[in-house]
Amino acid sequence: GASMKVKKKRTSCKFRNPRQPKAPKAPRYARRLVPRMPKLDKYNILKCPVTTESAMKKIEEINTLVFLCNLNANKKQIRYAVETLYEVKCFKVNTLIRPDGQKKAYVRLTQDYDA
């Protein structure tokens, strides 16, 4: 038998075209002369070690180094920076933000390394 094509009921008064496939960009030349460098490299993550009495106690007793860090650095970046700059293995990293707005990191080293 002859089948009738059912027309879809329109619910809006606007006629929208179907989405067209977008061709991938193939620029003829680079828009930037030099590629961007990451803002936080290993030298930019760690500002300075903390050398207070309580920090020295941590170094001697629980094998932990204490650093002031960049506020935007996360624990993984701090671990990477310490491991590459000081050639040690980190056990764990604890961070806090001090009342003066600086980030402090406690980096505990594994037993085979001495703080």
Foldseek 3Di string as FASTA:
>chain_A
DDDDDDDDDDDDPDDDDDDDDDDDDDDPDDPDPDDDDDPDDLPQFFDAWDDDPVQVVCLPPQVKTKTWGDPPDDFVSPQVSCCVVVVFHFPGKDWDQDPVGIIMIITHGDPVDHD
